[in-house]
């Protein structure tokens, strides 16, 4: 379960909740954090939660990973949805924390099968709704 490169484990609950988001659409988003050398679920967003609720889930000075189930309408008027992976690494977070999150990101992302778009953000403007919409199309 642990990753030799970063020593990071991924809690089974992370994968289970992600499957529920992906297949049952039980959640709008999931925020993950690294705690005691493993990735754990930090917050679950209700299916009715907005993108603003998602944005409000990130601490200003700590790194996080998150997935967001984004619904949108294409130019051809088709309803679609894409699962975004967000690596949140604010400039104000500790250097050690940024390093741990950066070195564990790819392995954690591989555990979550079905991610379609990845965003890296150091401040909220880098993951605004406009950017998400542009990346979804």
N, C-alpha and C. Protein backbone atom coordinates (compact mmCIF):
# COMPACT_ATOMS: atom_id res chain seq x y z
N UNK A 1 0.82 -1.20 0.00
CA UNK A 1 0.00 0.00 0.00
C UNK A 1 0.86 1.26 0.00
N UNK A 2 1.99 1.26 0.68
CA UNK A 2 2.82 2.48 0.77
C UNK A 2 3.64 2.66 -0.50
N UNK A 3 3.94 3.89 -0.79
CA UNK A 3 4.74 4.24 -1.96
C UNK A 3 6.20 4.38 -1.51
N UNK A 4 7.09 3.62 -2.11
CA UNK A 4 8.48 3.64 -1.70
C UNK A 4 9.12 5.01 -1.87
N UNK A 5 8.74 5.73 -2.91
CA UNK A 5 9.35 7.03 -3.20
C UNK A 5 9.04 8.07 -2.13
N UNK A 6 7.79 8.16 -1.73
CA UNK A 6 7.43 9.20 -0.77
C UNK A 6 7.00 8.63 0.58
N UNK A 7 6.91 7.29 0.68
CA UNK A 7 6.49 6.69 1.93
C UNK A 7 5.02 6.94 2.23
N UNK A 8 4.25 7.31 1.21
CA UNK A 8 2.86 7.71 1.43
C UNK A 8 1.91 6.57 1.11
N UNK A 9 0.96 6.33 2.01
CA UNK A 9 -0.08 5.34 1.78
C UNK A 9 -1.36 6.07 1.39
N UNK A 10 -2.27 5.35 0.76
CA UNK A 10 -3.57 5.92 0.41
C UNK A 10 -4.62 5.12 1.16
N UNK A 11 -5.36 5.78 2.01
CA UNK A 11 -6.39 5.11 2.80
C UNK A 11 -7.46 4.56 1.86
N UNK A 12 -7.95 3.34 2.15
CA UNK A 12 -8.95 2.70 1.30
C UNK A 12 -10.20 3.56 1.14
N UNK A 13 -10.52 4.34 2.17
CA UNK A 13 -11.70 5.20 2.14
C UNK A 13 -11.63 6.21 0.97
N UNK A 14 -10.41 6.65 0.63
CA UNK A 14 -10.24 7.59 -0.48
C UNK A 14 -10.73 6.97 -1.78
N UNK A 15 -10.31 5.73 -2.03
CA UNK A 15 -10.70 5.05 -3.27
C UNK A 15 -12.19 4.74 -3.27
N UNK A 16 -12.71 4.32 -2.13
CA UNK A 16 -14.13 3.98 -2.02
C UNK A 16 -15.01 5.21 -2.29
N UNK A 17 -14.68 6.34 -1.67
CA UNK A 17 -15.47 7.57 -1.86
C UNK A 17 -15.37 8.05 -3.31
N UNK A 18 -14.17 7.91 -3.90
CA UNK A 18 -14.01 8.32 -5.29
C UNK A 18 -14.89 7.47 -6.21
N UNK A 19 -14.94 6.17 -5.97
CA UNK A 19 -15.81 5.29 -6.77
C UNK A 19 -17.27 5.71 -6.64
N UNK A 20 -17.67 6.10 -5.42
CA UNK A 20 -19.05 6.54 -5.19
C UNK A 20 -19.32 7.85 -5.94
N UNK A 21 -18.34 8.75 -5.98
CA UNK A 21 -18.50 10.00 -6.73
C UNK A 21 -18.63 9.69 -8.22
N UNK A 22 -17.78 8.78 -8.70
CA UNK A 22 -17.72 8.50 -10.12
C UNK A 22 -18.93 7.70 -10.62
N UNK A 23 -19.30 6.65 -9.92
CA UNK A 23 -20.36 5.78 -10.43
C UNK A 23 -21.75 6.13 -9.93
N UNK A 24 -21.86 6.50 -8.65
CA UNK A 24 -23.19 6.79 -8.11
C UNK A 24 -23.48 8.28 -8.03
N UNK A 25 -22.44 9.09 -8.24
CA UNK A 25 -22.57 10.55 -8.11
C UNK A 25 -23.07 10.93 -6.72
N UNK A 26 -22.57 10.23 -5.72
CA UNK A 26 -22.96 10.46 -4.33
C UNK A 26 -22.45 11.79 -3.79
N UNK A 27 -21.38 12.30 -4.40
CA UNK A 27 -20.76 13.55 -3.93
C UNK A 27 -20.49 14.45 -5.13
N UNK A 28 -20.47 15.76 -4.88
CA UNK A 28 -20.07 16.71 -5.92
C UNK A 28 -18.55 16.80 -5.96
N UNK A 29 -17.94 16.74 -4.76
CA UNK A 29 -16.48 16.83 -4.69
C UNK A 29 -15.97 16.10 -3.45
N UNK A 30 -14.68 15.81 -3.47
CA UNK A 30 -13.99 15.23 -2.31
C UNK A 30 -12.68 15.98 -2.16
N UNK A 31 -12.39 16.41 -0.93
CA UNK A 31 -11.10 17.04 -0.63
C UNK A 31 -10.31 16.05 0.21
N UNK A 32 -9.04 15.86 -0.15
CA UNK A 32 -8.17 14.91 0.54
C UNK A 32 -7.01 15.67 1.18
N UNK A 33 -6.51 15.11 2.29
CA UNK A 33 -5.31 15.68 2.90
C UNK A 33 -4.37 14.56 3.30
N UNK A 34 -3.11 14.92 3.50
CA UNK A 34 -2.12 13.95 3.96
C UNK A 34 -2.01 14.11 5.47
N UNK A 35 -2.18 12.99 6.15
CA UNK A 35 -2.16 12.98 7.61
C UNK A 35 -1.45 11.72 8.06
N UNK A 36 -0.46 11.86 8.90
CA UNK A 36 0.28 10.71 9.43
C UNK A 36 0.72 9.74 8.32
N UNK A 37 1.37 10.29 7.32
CA UNK A 37 1.94 9.51 6.22
C UNK A 37 0.92 8.77 5.35
N UNK A 38 -0.33 9.23 5.36
CA UNK A 38 -1.28 8.65 4.41
C UNK A 38 -2.28 9.69 3.94
N UNK A 39 -2.81 9.45 2.74
CA UNK A 39 -3.82 10.34 2.18
C UNK A 39 -5.17 9.89 2.73
N UNK A 40 -5.92 10.84 3.31
CA UNK A 40 -7.23 10.55 3.89
C UNK A 40 -8.26 11.55 3.36
N UNK A 41 -9.55 11.20 3.51
CA UNK A 41 -10.62 12.11 3.10
C UNK A 41 -10.73 13.23 4.12
N UNK A 42 -10.74 14.47 3.64
CA UNK A 42 -10.86 15.65 4.49
C UNK A 42 -12.29 16.17 4.51
N UNK A 43 -12.92 16.21 3.32
CA UNK A 43 -14.28 16.75 3.23
C UNK A 43 -15.00 16.15 2.04
N UNK A 44 -16.29 15.87 2.23
CA UNK A 44 -17.15 15.37 1.16
C UNK A 44 -18.18 16.44 0.83
N UNK A 45 -18.33 16.74 -0.46
CA UNK A 45 -19.32 17.73 -0.89
C UNK A 45 -20.60 17.05 -1.32
N UNK A 46 -21.72 17.53 -0.83
CA UNK A 46 -23.02 16.97 -1.21
C UNK A 46 -23.27 17.17 -2.71
N UNK A 47 -24.07 16.31 -3.32
CA UNK A 47 -24.36 16.45 -4.76
C UNK A 47 -24.93 17.82 -5.12
N UNK A 48 -25.58 18.48 -4.18
CA UNK A 48 -26.20 19.78 -4.44
C UNK A 48 -25.25 20.96 -4.20
N UNK A 49 -24.04 20.68 -3.69
CA UNK A 49 -23.09 21.75 -3.40
C UNK A 49 -22.63 22.45 -4.69
N UNK A 50 -22.31 23.73 -4.56
CA UNK A 50 -21.89 24.53 -5.72
C UNK A 50 -20.37 24.55 -5.84
N UNK A 51 -19.90 25.16 -6.93
CA UNK A 51 -18.45 25.32 -7.10
C UNK A 51 -17.88 26.24 -6.03
N UNK A 52 -18.68 27.21 -5.59
CA UNK A 52 -18.25 28.09 -4.49
C UNK A 52 -18.04 27.31 -3.20
N UNK A 53 -18.91 26.34 -2.94
CA UNK A 53 -18.74 25.48 -1.75
C UNK A 53 -17.42 24.71 -1.85
N UNK A 54 -17.14 24.22 -3.06
CA UNK A 54 -15.89 23.51 -3.31
C UNK A 54 -14.69 24.41 -3.03
N UNK A 55 -14.72 25.61 -3.59
CA UNK A 55 -13.60 26.56 -3.41
C UNK A 55 -13.40 26.90 -1.93
N UNK A 56 -14.49 26.98 -1.17
CA UNK A 56 -14.41 27.33 0.24
C UNK A 56 -13.83 26.19 1.09
N UNK A 57 -13.67 25.02 0.50
CA UNK A 57 -13.18 23.85 1.25
C UNK A 57 -11.67 23.80 1.38
N UNK A 58 -10.97 24.71 0.66
CA UNK A 58 -9.51 24.68 0.68
C UNK A 58 -8.97 25.64 1.73
N UNK A 59 -8.10 25.16 2.63
CA UNK A 59 -7.48 26.07 3.59
C UNK A 59 -6.51 27.02 2.88
N UNK A 60 -6.40 28.22 3.39
CA UNK A 60 -5.58 29.25 2.73
C UNK A 60 -4.09 28.93 2.80
N UNK A 61 -3.67 28.18 3.82
CA UNK A 61 -2.22 27.98 4.02
C UNK A 61 -1.81 26.52 4.16
N UNK A 62 -2.63 25.60 3.64
CA UNK A 62 -2.27 24.18 3.66
C UNK A 62 -2.57 23.55 2.31
N UNK A 63 -1.75 22.60 1.91
CA UNK A 63 -1.96 21.90 0.64
C UNK A 63 -3.10 20.89 0.77
N UNK A 64 -3.71 20.59 -0.36
CA UNK A 64 -4.77 19.58 -0.42
C UNK A 64 -4.80 19.00 -1.84
N UNK A 65 -5.39 17.80 -1.94
CA UNK A 65 -5.79 17.25 -3.23
C UNK A 65 -7.31 17.29 -3.24
N UNK A 66 -7.90 17.34 -4.42
CA UNK A 66 -9.36 17.28 -4.49
C UNK A 66 -9.79 16.74 -5.84
N UNK A 67 -10.99 16.19 -5.86
CA UNK A 67 -11.63 15.83 -7.12
C UNK A 67 -12.98 16.53 -7.15
N UNK A 68 -13.37 16.98 -8.34
CA UNK A 68 -14.63 17.70 -8.51
C UNK A 68 -15.35 17.13 -9.73
N UNK A 69 -16.60 16.78 -9.55
CA UNK A 69 -17.42 16.26 -10.64
C UNK A 69 -18.13 17.45 -11.29
N UNK A 70 -17.63 17.86 -12.44
CA UNK A 70 -18.09 19.08 -13.09
C UNK A 70 -19.10 18.78 -14.20
N UNK A 71 -20.32 19.28 -14.05
CA UNK A 71 -21.35 19.13 -15.08
C UNK A 71 -21.33 20.35 -15.99
N UNK A 72 -21.47 20.14 -17.28
CA UNK A 72 -21.49 21.27 -18.20
C UNK A 72 -22.26 20.89 -19.46
N UNK A 73 -22.56 21.88 -20.26
CA UNK A 73 -23.25 21.69 -21.52
C UNK A 73 -22.30 22.10 -22.64
N UNK A 74 -22.15 21.22 -23.63
CA UNK A 74 -21.25 21.51 -24.75
C UNK A 74 -21.89 22.52 -25.70
N UNK A 75 -21.11 22.99 -26.66
CA UNK A 75 -21.62 23.92 -27.68
C UNK A 75 -22.75 23.28 -28.49
N UNK A 76 -22.73 21.94 -28.56
CA UNK A 76 -23.78 21.21 -29.30
C UNK A 76 -24.99 20.92 -28.41
N UNK A 77 -25.01 21.53 -27.20
CA UNK A 77 -26.11 21.39 -26.25
C UNK A 77 -26.22 19.99 -25.66
N UNK A 78 -25.09 19.30 -25.49
CA UNK A 78 -25.07 17.99 -24.84
C UNK A 78 -24.67 18.15 -23.37
N UNK A 79 -25.37 17.45 -22.51
CA UNK A 79 -25.02 17.45 -21.08
C UNK A 79 -23.84 16.49 -20.89
N UNK A 80 -22.79 16.98 -20.27
CA UNK A 80 -21.61 16.14 -20.01
C UNK A 80 -21.11 16.39 -18.61
N UNK A 81 -20.19 15.53 -18.20
CA UNK A 81 -19.57 15.70 -16.89
C UNK A 81 -18.13 15.23 -17.00
N UNK A 82 -17.23 15.93 -16.31
CA UNK A 82 -15.82 15.52 -16.27
C UNK A 82 -15.35 15.58 -14.84
N UNK A 83 -14.48 14.65 -14.49
CA UNK A 83 -13.92 14.63 -13.15
C UNK A 83 -12.56 15.31 -13.18
N UNK A 84 -12.47 16.39 -12.40
CA UNK A 84 -11.25 17.17 -12.30
C UNK A 84 -10.46 16.74 -11.06
N UNK A 85 -9.15 16.69 -11.22
CA UNK A 85 -8.26 16.50 -10.07
C UNK A 85 -7.56 17.83 -9.83
N UNK A 86 -7.61 18.31 -8.60
CA UNK A 86 -6.97 19.58 -8.26
C UNK A 86 -5.85 19.34 -7.25
N UNK A 87 -4.67 19.84 -7.56
CA UNK A 87 -3.56 19.83 -6.61
C UNK A 87 -3.43 21.26 -6.09
N UNK A 88 -3.85 21.46 -4.85
CA UNK A 88 -3.86 22.79 -4.22
C UNK A 88 -2.60 22.93 -3.40
N UNK A 89 -1.77 23.90 -3.76
CA UNK A 89 -0.50 24.11 -3.07
C UNK A 89 -0.26 25.62 -2.93
N UNK A 90 -0.93 26.25 -1.96
CA UNK A 90 -0.82 27.71 -1.85
C UNK A 90 0.60 28.15 -1.50
N UNK A 91 0.96 29.32 -2.01
CA UNK A 91 2.30 29.87 -1.75
C UNK A 91 2.58 30.02 -0.26
N UNK A 92 1.52 30.20 0.53
CA UNK A 92 1.69 30.44 1.96
C UNK A 92 1.87 29.15 2.76
N UNK A 93 1.75 27.98 2.12
CA UNK A 93 1.94 26.73 2.87
C UNK A 93 3.43 26.48 3.10
N UNK A 94 3.72 25.63 4.07
CA UNK A 94 5.12 25.33 4.42
C UNK A 94 5.82 24.59 3.27
N UNK A 95 7.09 24.86 3.08
CA UNK A 95 7.87 24.25 1.99
C UNK A 95 7.84 22.72 2.12
N UNK A 96 8.00 22.21 3.31
CA UNK A 96 8.00 20.76 3.52
C UNK A 96 6.67 20.16 3.07
N UNK A 97 5.58 20.82 3.43
CA UNK A 97 4.25 20.33 3.04
C UNK A 97 4.13 20.31 1.52
N UNK A 98 4.57 21.38 0.85
CA UNK A 98 4.49 21.44 -0.61
C UNK A 98 5.29 20.29 -1.24
N UNK A 99 6.45 19.99 -0.66
CA UNK A 99 7.29 18.92 -1.19
C UNK A 99 6.60 17.57 -1.04
N UNK A 100 6.02 17.32 0.11
CA UNK A 100 5.35 16.04 0.36
C UNK A 100 4.17 15.86 -0.60
N UNK A 101 3.37 16.90 -0.75
CA UNK A 101 2.22 16.81 -1.66
C UNK A 101 2.68 16.64 -3.11
N UNK A 102 3.70 17.37 -3.51
CA UNK A 102 4.19 17.27 -4.89
C UNK A 102 4.75 15.88 -5.19
N UNK A 103 5.48 15.30 -4.23
CA UNK A 103 6.09 14.00 -4.48
C UNK A 103 5.09 12.85 -4.41
N UNK A 104 3.95 13.06 -3.80
CA UNK A 104 2.95 12.00 -3.65
C UNK A 104 1.82 12.09 -4.68
N UNK A 105 1.74 13.20 -5.39
CA UNK A 105 0.58 13.48 -6.25
C UNK A 105 0.36 12.43 -7.33
N UNK A 106 1.39 12.10 -8.10
CA UNK A 106 1.18 11.19 -9.22
C UNK A 106 0.74 9.81 -8.76
N UNK A 107 1.33 9.33 -7.69
CA UNK A 107 0.92 8.02 -7.20
C UNK A 107 -0.52 8.05 -6.71
N UNK A 108 -0.89 9.10 -5.99
CA UNK A 108 -2.26 9.19 -5.49
C UNK A 108 -3.25 9.26 -6.66
N UNK A 109 -2.90 10.06 -7.67
CA UNK A 109 -3.77 10.20 -8.84
C UNK A 109 -3.97 8.86 -9.55
N UNK A 110 -2.95 8.03 -9.58
CA UNK A 110 -3.07 6.72 -10.21
C UNK A 110 -4.07 5.82 -9.48
N UNK A 111 -4.22 6.05 -8.18
CA UNK A 111 -5.17 5.26 -7.39
C UNK A 111 -6.62 5.60 -7.74
N UNK A 112 -6.83 6.77 -8.28
CA UNK A 112 -8.18 7.25 -8.60
C UNK A 112 -8.41 7.11 -10.10
N UNK A 113 -8.95 5.99 -10.49
CA UNK A 113 -9.13 5.70 -11.91
C UNK A 113 -10.36 6.43 -12.45
N UNK A 114 -10.17 7.31 -13.41
CA UNK A 114 -11.30 8.01 -14.00
C UNK A 114 -11.16 9.52 -13.99
N UNK A 115 -10.00 10.01 -13.57
CA UNK A 115 -9.76 11.46 -13.60
C UNK A 115 -9.53 11.87 -15.05
N UNK A 116 -10.20 12.95 -15.47
CA UNK A 116 -10.11 13.37 -16.87
C UNK A 116 -9.29 14.64 -17.07
N UNK A 117 -9.28 15.52 -16.08
CA UNK A 117 -8.56 16.78 -16.21
C UNK A 117 -7.82 17.06 -14.90
N UNK A 118 -6.60 17.57 -15.02
CA UNK A 118 -5.84 17.93 -13.81
C UNK A 118 -5.58 19.43 -13.80
N UNK A 119 -5.73 20.01 -12.63
CA UNK A 119 -5.41 21.42 -12.42
C UNK A 119 -4.42 21.53 -11.26
N UNK A 120 -3.45 22.41 -11.39
CA UNK A 120 -2.56 22.73 -10.28
C UNK A 120 -2.84 24.17 -9.92
N UNK A 121 -3.00 24.46 -8.64
CA UNK A 121 -3.33 25.82 -8.24
C UNK A 121 -2.54 26.23 -7.01
N UNK A 122 -2.03 27.47 -7.06
CA UNK A 122 -1.34 28.03 -5.90
C UNK A 122 -2.16 29.16 -5.29
N UNK A 123 -3.17 29.63 -6.02
CA UNK A 123 -4.12 30.58 -5.45
C UNK A 123 -5.47 30.37 -6.14
N UNK A 124 -6.57 30.83 -5.52
CA UNK A 124 -7.91 30.53 -6.02
C UNK A 124 -8.15 30.92 -7.48
N UNK A 125 -7.48 31.97 -7.96
CA UNK A 125 -7.71 32.41 -9.34
C UNK A 125 -7.28 31.34 -10.35
N UNK A 126 -6.36 30.46 -9.96
CA UNK A 126 -5.86 29.43 -10.88
C UNK A 126 -6.81 28.25 -11.02
N UNK A 127 -7.87 28.25 -10.23
CA UNK A 127 -8.88 27.19 -10.38
C UNK A 127 -10.29 27.79 -10.35
N UNK A 128 -10.42 28.98 -10.95
CA UNK A 128 -11.72 29.64 -11.02
C UNK A 128 -12.66 28.83 -11.91
N UNK A 129 -13.93 29.10 -11.76
CA UNK A 129 -14.94 28.38 -12.55
C UNK A 129 -14.71 28.59 -14.05
N UNK A 130 -14.25 29.77 -14.45
CA UNK A 130 -13.97 30.03 -15.87
C UNK A 130 -12.88 29.12 -16.41
N UNK A 131 -11.84 28.91 -15.60
CA UNK A 131 -10.74 28.03 -16.02
C UNK A 131 -11.24 26.59 -16.13
N UNK A 132 -12.04 26.15 -15.14
CA UNK A 132 -12.58 24.79 -15.17
C UNK A 132 -13.46 24.60 -16.40
N UNK A 133 -14.31 25.58 -16.70
CA UNK A 133 -15.17 25.48 -17.89
C UNK A 133 -14.33 25.37 -19.16
N UNK A 134 -13.29 26.20 -19.26
CA UNK A 134 -12.43 26.19 -20.44
C UNK A 134 -11.72 24.86 -20.61
N UNK A 135 -11.27 24.27 -19.50
CA UNK A 135 -10.55 22.99 -19.56
C UNK A 135 -11.49 21.82 -19.84
N UNK A 136 -12.77 21.97 -19.49
CA UNK A 136 -13.73 20.88 -19.68
C UNK A 136 -14.10 20.69 -21.14
N UNK A 137 -14.17 21.78 -21.89
CA UNK A 137 -14.64 21.70 -23.28
C UNK A 137 -13.60 21.13 -24.24
